[in-house]
């Protein structure tokens, strides 16, 4: 009897098909919150249908935010409203909690259109990379005309202007002792150094 054999070269297994990524909606987020799936007090944001769990805010963040909020309320022009860490729903697949939102008087906390936003401020400590690399691009795509990201440690402010689908076209850094002048709020300016907070390690 003749025996025939043949060798078969081993082959790599086929590459797995990529899993479809689930896109969440504001309705999904509301249902998960109501059902207790998202624990009370746990801050999350929804960006382009993806959920982000926010890291806990540090002491420096809260110190800068509190002093900044007090200064804004005391010195803002009468036609400008100031909201702090409101749940902002600018569109159906986006839910954000900006540090401070300065708006035209017509805006309300429940419904603040993007074109009513005069200035948006984020205070960055543990969230620095997230604020600069994730949130700044979405704010640009939403059409927020001016964004300040204040570093809670160095007190340097990164000012973003000229929003575009691809991101902000203008980005400059302003030292704590230099004057910040919003482009859209007449008669208002700010020096972060005047908040009375020393830079970390100073």
N, C-alpha and C. Protein backbone atom coordinates (compact mmCIF):
# COMPACT_ATOMS: atom_id res chain seq x y z
N UNK A 1 0.86 -1.19 0.00
CA UNK A 1 0.00 0.00 0.00
C UNK A 1 0.89 1.23 0.00
N UNK A 2 0.57 2.12 -0.88
CA UNK A 2 1.30 3.38 -0.91
C UNK A 2 0.64 4.38 0.04
N UNK A 3 1.47 4.99 0.75
CA UNK A 3 0.95 6.00 1.67
C UNK A 3 1.39 7.37 1.17
N UNK A 4 0.42 8.24 0.98
CA UNK A 4 0.74 9.59 0.52
C UNK A 4 0.57 10.57 1.68
N UNK A 5 1.46 11.42 1.79
CA UNK A 5 1.32 12.46 2.82
C UNK A 5 1.63 13.80 2.20
N UNK A 6 1.06 14.77 2.78
CA UNK A 6 1.36 16.11 2.28
C UNK A 6 1.43 17.04 3.48
N UNK A 7 2.35 17.93 3.46
CA UNK A 7 2.49 18.88 4.56
C UNK A 7 1.70 20.14 4.23
N UNK A 8 1.09 20.63 5.24
CA UNK A 8 0.31 21.86 5.09
C UNK A 8 0.99 22.95 5.90
N UNK A 9 1.37 24.00 5.23
CA UNK A 9 2.06 25.10 5.92
C UNK A 9 1.10 25.75 6.92
N UNK A 10 1.59 25.97 8.13
CA UNK A 10 0.71 26.63 9.12
C UNK A 10 0.33 28.03 8.66
N UNK A 11 -0.88 28.40 8.94
CA UNK A 11 -1.35 29.74 8.54
C UNK A 11 -1.79 30.50 9.78
N UNK A 12 -1.58 31.79 9.72
CA UNK A 12 -2.05 32.63 10.83
C UNK A 12 -3.57 32.60 10.85
N UNK A 13 -4.15 32.59 12.05
CA UNK A 13 -5.61 32.64 12.12
C UNK A 13 -6.11 33.96 11.55
N UNK A 14 -7.30 33.95 10.99
CA UNK A 14 -7.82 35.20 10.42
C UNK A 14 -7.96 36.28 11.49
N UNK A 15 -7.69 37.48 11.09
CA UNK A 15 -7.81 38.60 12.03
C UNK A 15 -9.25 38.75 12.47
N UNK A 16 -9.46 39.00 13.76
CA UNK A 16 -10.84 39.15 14.22
C UNK A 16 -11.49 40.39 13.64
N UNK A 17 -12.77 40.29 13.40
CA UNK A 17 -13.50 41.45 12.92
C UNK A 17 -13.55 42.49 14.04
N UNK A 18 -13.37 43.77 13.71
CA UNK A 18 -13.44 44.79 14.77
C UNK A 18 -14.85 44.86 15.35
N UNK A 19 -14.90 45.01 16.66
CA UNK A 19 -16.20 45.15 17.32
C UNK A 19 -16.78 46.52 17.03
N UNK A 20 -18.06 46.58 16.84
CA UNK A 20 -18.74 47.87 16.68
C UNK A 20 -18.72 48.59 18.03
N UNK A 21 -18.44 49.86 18.01
CA UNK A 21 -18.40 50.63 19.25
C UNK A 21 -19.78 51.21 19.50
N UNK A 22 -20.25 51.04 20.71
CA UNK A 22 -21.58 51.52 21.06
C UNK A 22 -21.56 53.03 21.23
N UNK A 23 -22.46 53.71 20.56
CA UNK A 23 -22.58 55.15 20.69
C UNK A 23 -23.70 55.47 21.68
N UNK A 24 -23.35 56.15 22.77
CA UNK A 24 -24.32 56.51 23.78
C UNK A 24 -25.01 57.81 23.42
N UNK A 25 -26.20 57.99 23.94
CA UNK A 25 -26.97 59.22 23.74
C UNK A 25 -27.24 59.86 25.09
N UNK A 26 -27.73 61.07 25.06
CA UNK A 26 -28.13 61.74 26.31
C UNK A 26 -29.24 60.96 27.01
N UNK A 27 -30.15 60.38 26.23
CA UNK A 27 -31.22 59.58 26.83
C UNK A 27 -30.63 58.37 27.56
N UNK A 28 -29.62 57.73 26.95
CA UNK A 28 -28.95 56.61 27.61
C UNK A 28 -28.31 57.07 28.92
N UNK A 29 -27.64 58.20 28.87
CA UNK A 29 -26.98 58.73 30.06
C UNK A 29 -27.98 59.02 31.17
N UNK A 30 -29.11 59.62 30.81
CA UNK A 30 -30.15 59.91 31.80
C UNK A 30 -30.70 58.63 32.43
N UNK A 31 -30.92 57.61 31.59
CA UNK A 31 -31.45 56.35 32.10
C UNK A 31 -30.46 55.66 33.03
N UNK A 32 -29.18 55.68 32.68
CA UNK A 32 -28.18 55.05 33.54
C UNK A 32 -28.04 55.78 34.87
N UNK A 33 -28.19 57.11 34.83
CA UNK A 33 -28.14 57.88 36.07
C UNK A 33 -29.34 57.56 36.95
N UNK A 34 -30.53 57.54 36.35
CA UNK A 34 -31.75 57.24 37.11
C UNK A 34 -31.72 55.82 37.69
N UNK A 35 -31.13 54.87 36.96
CA UNK A 35 -31.08 53.48 37.42
C UNK A 35 -29.95 53.24 38.42
N UNK A 36 -29.11 54.23 38.67
CA UNK A 36 -28.02 54.07 39.61
C UNK A 36 -26.80 53.37 39.04
N UNK A 37 -26.79 53.15 37.73
CA UNK A 37 -25.62 52.53 37.09
C UNK A 37 -24.42 53.47 37.19
N UNK A 38 -24.68 54.75 37.02
CA UNK A 38 -23.66 55.76 37.27
C UNK A 38 -23.88 56.26 38.69
N UNK A 39 -22.94 55.99 39.61
CA UNK A 39 -23.16 56.34 41.03
C UNK A 39 -23.38 57.84 41.23
N UNK A 40 -24.18 58.17 42.21
CA UNK A 40 -24.45 59.57 42.52
C UNK A 40 -23.14 60.26 42.90
N UNK A 41 -22.93 61.42 42.33
CA UNK A 41 -21.71 62.17 42.61
C UNK A 41 -20.56 61.85 41.68
N UNK A 42 -20.69 60.81 40.85
CA UNK A 42 -19.64 60.48 39.89
C UNK A 42 -19.85 61.30 38.63
N UNK A 43 -18.89 62.13 38.30
CA UNK A 43 -19.03 63.02 37.15
C UNK A 43 -18.58 62.32 35.88
N UNK A 44 -19.43 62.40 34.88
CA UNK A 44 -19.11 61.85 33.57
C UNK A 44 -19.43 62.89 32.51
N UNK A 45 -18.79 62.75 31.37
CA UNK A 45 -19.09 63.60 30.22
C UNK A 45 -19.31 62.71 29.00
N UNK A 46 -20.14 63.20 28.10
CA UNK A 46 -20.47 62.48 26.88
C UNK A 46 -20.00 63.31 25.69
N UNK A 47 -19.06 62.74 24.92
CA UNK A 47 -18.48 63.46 23.79
C UNK A 47 -18.56 62.59 22.56
N UNK A 48 -19.29 63.06 21.57
CA UNK A 48 -19.47 62.31 20.32
C UNK A 48 -19.92 60.88 20.57
N UNK A 49 -20.81 60.72 21.55
CA UNK A 49 -21.38 59.41 21.83
C UNK A 49 -20.53 58.52 22.72
N UNK A 50 -19.38 59.00 23.20
CA UNK A 50 -18.53 58.19 24.09
C UNK A 50 -18.55 58.79 25.49
N UNK A 51 -18.62 57.91 26.50
CA UNK A 51 -18.65 58.33 27.89
C UNK A 51 -17.24 58.42 28.46
N UNK A 52 -16.98 59.49 29.19
CA UNK A 52 -15.70 59.69 29.86
C UNK A 52 -15.97 59.87 31.35
N UNK A 53 -15.33 59.06 32.18
CA UNK A 53 -15.43 59.23 33.64
C UNK A 53 -14.36 60.23 34.06
N UNK A 54 -14.78 61.30 34.73
CA UNK A 54 -13.84 62.36 35.09
C UNK A 54 -13.09 62.00 36.36
N UNK A 55 -11.82 62.36 36.40
CA UNK A 55 -11.03 62.13 37.61
C UNK A 55 -11.45 63.13 38.69
N UNK A 56 -11.21 62.77 39.92
CA UNK A 56 -11.58 63.64 41.04
C UNK A 56 -10.82 64.95 40.96
N UNK A 57 -11.50 66.04 41.30
CA UNK A 57 -10.87 67.36 41.26
C UNK A 57 -9.98 67.53 42.49
N UNK A 58 -8.78 68.06 42.26
CA UNK A 58 -7.85 68.27 43.36
C UNK A 58 -8.11 69.57 44.10
N UNK A 59 -7.39 69.76 45.21
CA UNK A 59 -7.57 70.96 46.02
C UNK A 59 -7.22 72.23 45.25
N UNK A 60 -6.17 72.16 44.42
CA UNK A 60 -5.77 73.33 43.64
C UNK A 60 -6.88 73.72 42.67
N UNK A 61 -7.47 72.74 42.04
CA UNK A 61 -8.57 73.00 41.10
C UNK A 61 -9.68 73.76 41.81
N UNK A 62 -10.11 73.28 42.96
CA UNK A 62 -11.22 73.92 43.66
C UNK A 62 -10.86 75.30 44.18
N UNK A 63 -9.62 75.47 44.60
CA UNK A 63 -9.17 76.78 45.07
C UNK A 63 -9.22 77.81 43.95
N UNK A 64 -8.66 77.45 42.79
CA UNK A 64 -8.65 78.38 41.65
C UNK A 64 -10.08 78.64 41.16
N UNK A 65 -10.89 77.59 41.06
CA UNK A 65 -12.26 77.77 40.58
C UNK A 65 -13.06 78.68 41.51
N UNK A 66 -12.93 78.50 42.83
CA UNK A 66 -13.69 79.31 43.79
C UNK A 66 -13.31 80.78 43.70
N UNK A 67 -11.99 81.06 43.66
CA UNK A 67 -11.55 82.45 43.58
C UNK A 67 -11.92 83.09 42.25
N UNK A 68 -11.82 82.30 41.18
CA UNK A 68 -12.17 82.81 39.86
C UNK A 68 -13.66 83.11 39.78
N UNK A 69 -14.47 82.21 40.32
CA UNK A 69 -15.92 82.40 40.30
C UNK A 69 -16.31 83.66 41.07
N UNK A 70 -15.73 83.87 42.25
CA UNK A 70 -16.03 85.06 43.04
C UNK A 70 -15.64 86.33 42.29
N UNK A 71 -14.48 86.29 41.61
CA UNK A 71 -14.03 87.46 40.86
C UNK A 71 -14.95 87.73 39.68
N UNK A 72 -15.37 86.67 38.99
CA UNK A 72 -16.25 86.84 37.83
C UNK A 72 -17.60 87.44 38.25
N UNK A 73 -18.17 86.94 39.33
CA UNK A 73 -19.46 87.45 39.78
C UNK A 73 -19.36 88.91 40.21
N UNK A 74 -18.27 89.28 40.84
CA UNK A 74 -18.12 90.64 41.35
C UNK A 74 -17.86 91.65 40.24
N UNK A 75 -17.21 91.23 39.15
CA UNK A 75 -16.73 92.19 38.17
C UNK A 75 -17.33 92.03 36.78
N UNK A 76 -18.21 91.06 36.60
CA UNK A 76 -18.77 90.85 35.26
C UNK A 76 -19.69 92.02 34.87
N UNK A 77 -19.76 92.34 33.59
CA UNK A 77 -20.73 93.33 33.12
C UNK A 77 -22.16 92.81 33.38
N UNK A 78 -23.13 93.70 33.55
CA UNK A 78 -24.49 93.26 33.90
C UNK A 78 -25.17 92.40 32.83
N UNK A 79 -24.72 92.47 31.59
CA UNK A 79 -25.37 91.69 30.52
C UNK A 79 -24.76 90.30 30.38
N UNK A 80 -23.85 89.93 31.26
CA UNK A 80 -23.17 88.64 31.17
C UNK A 80 -23.58 87.75 32.34
N UNK A 81 -23.95 86.51 32.04
CA UNK A 81 -24.26 85.52 33.07
C UNK A 81 -23.04 84.62 33.28
N UNK A 82 -22.90 84.12 34.52
CA UNK A 82 -21.81 83.21 34.85
C UNK A 82 -22.40 81.92 35.42
N UNK A 83 -22.05 80.78 34.80
CA UNK A 83 -22.47 79.47 35.31
C UNK A 83 -21.21 78.69 35.68
N UNK A 84 -21.30 77.91 36.75
CA UNK A 84 -20.16 77.11 37.19
C UNK A 84 -20.53 75.64 37.22
N UNK A 85 -19.76 74.84 36.47
CA UNK A 85 -19.90 73.39 36.43
C UNK A 85 -21.35 72.94 36.21
N UNK A 86 -22.04 73.61 35.32
CA UNK A 86 -23.39 73.20 34.96
C UNK A 86 -23.32 72.00 34.03
N UNK A 87 -24.39 71.22 33.99
CA UNK A 87 -24.48 70.14 33.02
C UNK A 87 -24.93 70.72 31.69
N UNK A 88 -24.00 70.89 30.78
CA UNK A 88 -24.28 71.59 29.51
C UNK A 88 -24.55 70.57 28.41
N UNK A 89 -25.67 70.75 27.70
CA UNK A 89 -26.09 69.84 26.64
C UNK A 89 -26.19 70.60 25.32
N UNK A 90 -25.06 70.87 24.69
CA UNK A 90 -25.09 71.67 23.46
C UNK A 90 -25.65 70.94 22.25
N UNK A 91 -25.63 69.58 22.27
CA UNK A 91 -26.24 68.83 21.18
C UNK A 91 -26.49 67.40 21.67
N UNK A 92 -27.14 66.58 20.83
CA UNK A 92 -27.68 65.31 21.28
C UNK A 92 -26.68 64.26 21.71
N UNK A 93 -25.42 64.33 21.24
CA UNK A 93 -24.44 63.33 21.64
C UNK A 93 -23.33 63.92 22.49
N UNK A 94 -23.60 65.08 23.10
CA UNK A 94 -22.59 65.77 23.90
C UNK A 94 -23.20 66.26 25.21
N UNK A 95 -22.55 65.89 26.31
CA UNK A 95 -22.88 66.41 27.64
C UNK A 95 -21.57 66.77 28.32
N UNK A 96 -21.43 68.02 28.74
CA UNK A 96 -20.17 68.51 29.30
C UNK A 96 -20.42 69.24 30.61
N UNK A 97 -19.38 69.31 31.43
CA UNK A 97 -19.45 70.06 32.68
C UNK A 97 -18.31 71.06 32.72
N UNK A 98 -18.42 72.16 31.96
CA UNK A 98 -17.35 73.15 31.93
C UNK A 98 -17.15 73.81 33.28
N UNK A 99 -15.89 74.20 33.56
CA UNK A 99 -15.60 74.85 34.83
C UNK A 99 -16.41 76.11 35.03
N UNK A 100 -16.30 77.05 34.10
CA UNK A 100 -17.09 78.27 34.11
C UNK A 100 -17.55 78.57 32.70
N UNK A 101 -18.77 79.05 32.59
CA UNK A 101 -19.36 79.40 31.31
C UNK A 101 -19.90 80.82 31.43
N UNK A 102 -19.37 81.74 30.64
CA UNK A 102 -19.86 83.12 30.62
C UNK A 102 -20.67 83.29 29.35
N UNK A 103 -21.91 83.74 29.52
CA UNK A 103 -22.85 83.75 28.40
C UNK A 103 -23.58 85.08 28.27
N UNK A 104 -24.24 85.22 27.14
CA UNK A 104 -25.17 86.33 26.98
C UNK A 104 -26.34 86.16 27.95
N UNK A 105 -27.02 87.27 28.25
CA UNK A 105 -28.09 87.24 29.24
C UNK A 105 -29.24 86.34 28.85
N UNK A 106 -29.43 86.09 27.55
CA UNK A 106 -30.55 85.27 27.10
C UNK A 106 -30.39 83.79 27.42
N UNK A 107 -29.18 83.36 27.76
CA UNK A 107 -28.92 81.94 28.00
C UNK A 107 -29.48 81.52 29.35
N UNK A 108 -29.87 80.25 29.45
CA UNK A 108 -30.28 79.66 30.71
C UNK A 108 -29.44 78.43 30.96
N UNK A 109 -29.37 78.00 32.23
CA UNK A 109 -28.56 76.83 32.56
C UNK A 109 -29.09 75.59 31.86
N UNK A 110 -30.40 75.50 31.73
CA UNK A 110 -31.00 74.30 31.13
C UNK A 110 -30.77 74.25 29.62
N UNK A 111 -30.73 75.41 28.98
CA UNK A 111 -30.59 75.44 27.52
C UNK A 111 -29.73 76.64 27.13
N UNK A 112 -28.45 76.39 26.97
CA UNK A 112 -27.52 77.46 26.60
C UNK A 112 -26.99 77.18 25.20
N UNK A 113 -27.48 77.90 24.18
CA UNK A 113 -26.97 77.66 22.82
C UNK A 113 -25.51 78.05 22.72
N UNK A 114 -24.79 77.36 21.85
CA UNK A 114 -23.36 77.61 21.72
C UNK A 114 -23.07 79.05 21.31
N UNK A 115 -23.93 79.61 20.46
CA UNK A 115 -23.66 80.97 19.99
C UNK A 115 -23.89 82.03 21.06
N UNK A 116 -24.44 81.63 22.22
CA UNK A 116 -24.59 82.55 23.34
C UNK A 116 -23.40 82.52 24.30
N UNK A 117 -22.47 81.59 24.07
CA UNK A 117 -21.30 81.46 24.94
C UNK A 117 -20.27 82.52 24.55
N UNK A 118 -19.91 83.37 25.51
CA UNK A 118 -18.93 84.42 25.28
C UNK A 118 -17.52 83.97 25.67
N UNK A 119 -17.43 83.12 26.68
CA UNK A 119 -16.14 82.63 27.16
C UNK A 119 -16.37 81.36 27.95
N UNK A 120 -15.56 80.35 27.68
CA UNK A 120 -15.61 79.11 28.45
C UNK A 120 -14.26 78.91 29.11
N UNK A 121 -14.28 78.56 30.41
CA UNK A 121 -13.03 78.41 31.16
C UNK A 121 -12.98 77.03 31.78
N UNK A 122 -11.86 76.33 31.59
CA UNK A 122 -11.58 75.08 32.28
C UNK A 122 -10.39 75.29 33.21
N UNK A 123 -10.47 74.73 34.42
CA UNK A 123 -9.34 74.74 35.35
C UNK A 123 -8.75 73.35 35.33
N UNK A 124 -7.48 73.25 34.95
CA UNK A 124 -6.87 71.95 34.70
C UNK A 124 -5.86 71.60 35.78
N UNK A 125 -6.07 70.46 36.45
CA UNK A 125 -5.03 69.90 37.31
C UNK A 125 -4.85 68.44 36.93
N UNK A 126 -5.61 67.54 37.55
CA UNK A 126 -5.56 66.14 37.16
C UNK A 126 -6.14 65.94 35.75
N UNK A 127 -6.92 66.90 35.27
CA UNK A 127 -7.59 66.78 33.97
C UNK A 127 -6.84 67.49 32.84
N UNK A 128 -5.58 67.88 33.08
CA UNK A 128 -4.88 68.74 32.12
C UNK A 128 -4.85 68.16 30.70
N UNK A 129 -4.42 66.93 30.57
CA UNK A 129 -4.33 66.31 29.25
C UNK A 129 -5.71 66.17 28.60
N UNK A 130 -6.70 65.80 29.40
CA UNK A 130 -8.07 65.64 28.90
C UNK A 130 -8.63 66.98 28.42
N UNK A 131 -8.41 68.04 29.19
CA UNK A 131 -8.93 69.36 28.82
C UNK A 131 -8.30 69.85 27.51
N UNK A 132 -6.99 69.62 27.35
CA UNK A 132 -6.29 70.14 26.18
C UNK A 132 -6.47 69.28 24.94
N UNK A 133 -6.49 67.95 25.12
CA UNK A 133 -6.48 67.05 23.96
C UNK A 133 -7.85 66.52 23.57
N UNK A 134 -8.79 66.47 24.52
CA UNK A 134 -10.12 65.93 24.21
C UNK A 134 -11.16 67.05 24.19
N UNK A 135 -11.20 67.86 25.25
CA UNK A 135 -12.27 68.85 25.33
C UNK A 135 -12.04 70.06 24.43
N UNK A 136 -10.81 70.53 24.33
CA UNK A 136 -10.57 71.69 23.45
C UNK A 136 -11.01 71.42 22.01
N UNK A 137 -10.68 70.26 21.42
CA UNK A 137 -11.17 70.00 20.05
C UNK A 137 -12.69 69.94 19.93
N UNK A 138 -13.38 69.38 20.93
CA UNK A 138 -14.85 69.33 20.83
C UNK A 138 -15.44 70.73 21.01
N UNK A 139 -14.85 71.55 21.87
CA UNK A 139 -15.32 72.93 21.99
C UNK A 139 -15.15 73.67 20.67
N UNK A 140 -14.03 73.41 19.98
CA UNK A 140 -13.81 74.05 18.67
C UNK A 140 -14.87 73.60 17.68
N UNK A 141 -15.16 72.30 17.64
CA UNK A 141 -16.16 71.80 16.69
C UNK A 141 -17.56 72.31 17.03
N UNK A 142 -17.82 72.55 18.31
CA UNK A 142 -19.11 73.10 18.71
C UNK A 142 -19.23 74.58 18.35
N UNK A 143 -18.10 75.24 18.12
CA UNK A 143 -18.12 76.65 17.77
C UNK A 143 -17.95 77.59 18.93
N UNK A 144 -17.44 77.10 20.07
CA UNK A 144 -17.14 77.99 21.21
C UNK A 144 -16.02 78.93 20.78
N UNK A 145 -16.31 80.22 20.82
CA UNK A 145 -15.41 81.18 20.18
C UNK A 145 -14.16 81.50 20.99
N UNK A 146 -14.22 81.30 22.30
CA UNK A 146 -13.02 81.53 23.11
C UNK A 146 -13.01 80.58 24.29
N UNK A 147 -11.88 79.91 24.47
CA UNK A 147 -11.68 78.96 25.56
C UNK A 147 -10.41 79.31 26.29
N UNK A 148 -10.50 79.37 27.64
CA UNK A 148 -9.31 79.50 28.47
C UNK A 148 -9.13 78.20 29.25
N UNK A 149 -7.94 77.64 29.23
CA UNK A 149 -7.60 76.50 30.09
C UNK A 149 -6.53 77.00 31.06
N UNK A 150 -6.91 77.14 32.32
CA UNK A 150 -6.00 77.65 33.36
C UNK A 150 -5.36 76.48 34.07
N UNK A 151 -4.04 76.43 34.04
CA UNK A 151 -3.30 75.38 34.74
C UNK A 151 -3.33 75.71 36.24
N UNK A 152 -3.92 74.82 37.03
CA UNK A 152 -4.10 75.10 38.46
C UNK A 152 -2.77 75.15 39.21
N UNK A 153 -1.73 74.54 38.66
CA UNK A 153 -0.43 74.55 39.33
C UNK A 153 0.41 75.77 38.96
N UNK A 154 0.59 75.99 37.66
CA UNK A 154 1.46 77.09 37.21
C UNK A 154 0.71 78.42 37.10
N UNK A 155 -0.63 78.35 37.01
CA UNK A 155 -1.51 79.51 36.79
C UNK A 155 -1.32 80.13 35.41
N UNK A 156 -0.65 79.42 34.51
CA UNK A 156 -0.56 79.85 33.11
C UNK A 156 -1.87 79.51 32.42
N UNK A 157 -2.37 80.44 31.62
CA UNK A 157 -3.63 80.24 30.88
C UNK A 157 -3.35 80.04 29.40
N UNK A 158 -3.88 78.96 28.86
CA UNK A 158 -3.82 78.75 27.41
C UNK A 158 -5.11 79.27 26.81
N UNK A 159 -4.98 80.24 25.92
CA UNK A 159 -6.13 80.90 25.31
C UNK A 159 -6.32 80.36 23.90
N UNK A 160 -7.51 79.82 23.64
CA UNK A 160 -7.85 79.28 22.33
C UNK A 160 -8.90 80.18 21.67
N UNK A 161 -8.67 80.50 20.40
CA UNK A 161 -9.64 81.28 19.63
C UNK A 161 -9.68 80.76 18.20
N UNK A 162 -10.62 81.28 17.43
CA UNK A 162 -10.82 80.91 16.01
C UNK A 162 -11.14 79.43 15.88
N UNK A 163 -12.33 79.04 16.36
CA UNK A 163 -12.71 77.63 16.29
C UNK A 163 -12.91 77.16 14.86
N UNK A 164 -12.58 75.89 14.62
CA UNK A 164 -12.72 75.26 13.31
C UNK A 164 -13.00 73.79 13.53
N UNK A 165 -13.55 73.12 12.53
CA UNK A 165 -13.81 71.68 12.64
C UNK A 165 -12.55 70.90 13.00
N UNK A 166 -11.40 71.37 12.57
CA UNK A 166 -10.14 70.67 12.83
C UNK A 166 -9.50 71.08 14.14
N UNK A 167 -10.11 72.02 14.87
CA UNK A 167 -9.54 72.50 16.13
C UNK A 167 -9.40 74.01 16.11
N UNK A 168 -8.90 74.55 17.21
CA UNK A 168 -8.71 76.00 17.28
C UNK A 168 -7.50 76.41 16.43
N UNK A 169 -7.67 77.50 15.69
CA UNK A 169 -6.61 77.99 14.82
C UNK A 169 -5.63 78.91 15.55
N UNK A 170 -6.04 79.42 16.71
CA UNK A 170 -5.17 80.31 17.49
C UNK A 170 -5.03 79.74 18.90
N UNK A 171 -3.77 79.64 19.35
CA UNK A 171 -3.49 79.15 20.70
C UNK A 171 -2.29 79.91 21.24
N UNK A 172 -2.48 80.62 22.36
CA UNK A 172 -1.37 81.34 22.99
C UNK A 172 -1.38 81.05 24.48
N UNK A 173 -0.21 81.19 25.11
CA UNK A 173 -0.11 81.03 26.56
C UNK A 173 0.11 82.39 27.20
N UNK A 174 -0.61 82.61 28.30
CA UNK A 174 -0.56 83.89 29.01
C UNK A 174 -0.10 83.64 30.44
N UNK A 175 0.96 84.29 30.86
CA UNK A 175 1.48 84.12 32.21
C UNK A 175 0.50 84.67 33.24
N UNK A 176 0.63 84.19 34.48
CA UNK A 176 -0.31 84.57 35.53
C UNK A 176 -0.34 86.07 35.77
N UNK A 177 0.79 86.74 35.59
CA UNK A 177 0.84 88.18 35.85
C UNK A 177 0.44 89.04 34.68
N UNK A 178 0.16 88.42 33.52
CA UNK A 178 -0.23 89.18 32.34
C UNK A 178 -1.75 89.31 32.25
N UNK A 179 -2.19 90.33 31.55
CA UNK A 179 -3.61 90.64 31.48
C UNK A 179 -4.32 89.73 30.47
N UNK A 180 -5.41 89.13 30.91
CA UNK A 180 -6.30 88.36 30.03
C UNK A 180 -7.48 89.24 29.66
N UNK A 181 -7.73 89.40 28.36
CA UNK A 181 -8.83 90.24 27.89
C UNK A 181 -9.70 89.41 26.96
N UNK A 182 -10.90 89.03 27.38
CA UNK A 182 -11.78 88.25 26.50
C UNK A 182 -12.14 89.04 25.26
N UNK A 183 -12.19 88.38 24.12
CA UNK A 183 -12.49 89.05 22.87
C UNK A 183 -13.94 89.50 22.79
N UNK A 184 -14.85 88.81 23.50
CA UNK A 184 -16.28 89.04 23.32
C UNK A 184 -16.96 89.71 24.52
N UNK A 185 -16.19 90.09 25.54
CA UNK A 185 -16.79 90.72 26.72
C UNK A 185 -16.14 92.08 26.91
N UNK A 186 -16.83 93.13 26.51
CA UNK A 186 -16.30 94.49 26.64
C UNK A 186 -16.21 94.89 28.11
N UNK A 187 -15.14 95.62 28.43
CA UNK A 187 -15.02 96.19 29.76
C UNK A 187 -14.64 95.19 30.84
N UNK A 188 -14.09 94.04 30.44
CA UNK A 188 -13.72 93.04 31.44
C UNK A 188 -12.33 92.50 31.12
N UNK A 189 -11.50 92.39 32.16
CA UNK A 189 -10.18 91.80 32.01
C UNK A 189 -9.80 91.15 33.34
N UNK A 190 -8.74 90.35 33.30
CA UNK A 190 -8.38 89.57 34.49
C UNK A 190 -6.91 89.24 34.47
N UNK A 191 -6.27 89.33 35.64
CA UNK A 191 -4.95 88.76 35.88
C UNK A 191 -5.13 87.61 36.86
N UNK A 192 -4.72 86.43 36.46
CA UNK A 192 -4.88 85.27 37.35
C UNK A 192 -4.09 85.49 38.63
N UNK A 193 -2.97 86.18 38.54
CA UNK A 193 -2.15 86.46 39.73
C UNK A 193 -2.92 87.27 40.77
N UNK A 194 -3.91 88.06 40.33
CA UNK A 194 -4.69 88.89 41.26
C UNK A 194 -5.68 88.07 42.09
N UNK A 195 -5.83 86.78 41.78
CA UNK A 195 -6.74 85.95 42.57
C UNK A 195 -6.16 85.65 43.95
N UNK A 196 -4.89 85.97 44.15
CA UNK A 196 -4.29 85.76 45.47
C UNK A 196 -3.79 84.34 45.71
N UNK A 197 -3.58 83.58 44.66
CA UNK A 197 -3.12 82.20 44.76
C UNK A 197 -1.70 82.11 44.22
N UNK A 198 -0.81 81.54 45.01
CA UNK A 198 0.57 81.37 44.56
C UNK A 198 0.69 80.16 43.64
N UNK A 199 1.53 80.24 42.61
CA UNK A 199 1.78 79.05 41.81
C UNK A 199 2.35 77.92 42.67
N UNK A 200 2.05 76.69 42.31
CA UNK A 200 2.54 75.54 43.04
C UNK A 200 4.07 75.54 43.06
N UNK A 201 4.63 75.39 44.26
CA UNK A 201 6.08 75.34 44.40
C UNK A 201 6.75 76.69 44.46
N UNK A 202 5.96 77.78 44.43
CA UNK A 202 6.56 79.12 44.48
C UNK A 202 7.10 79.44 45.87
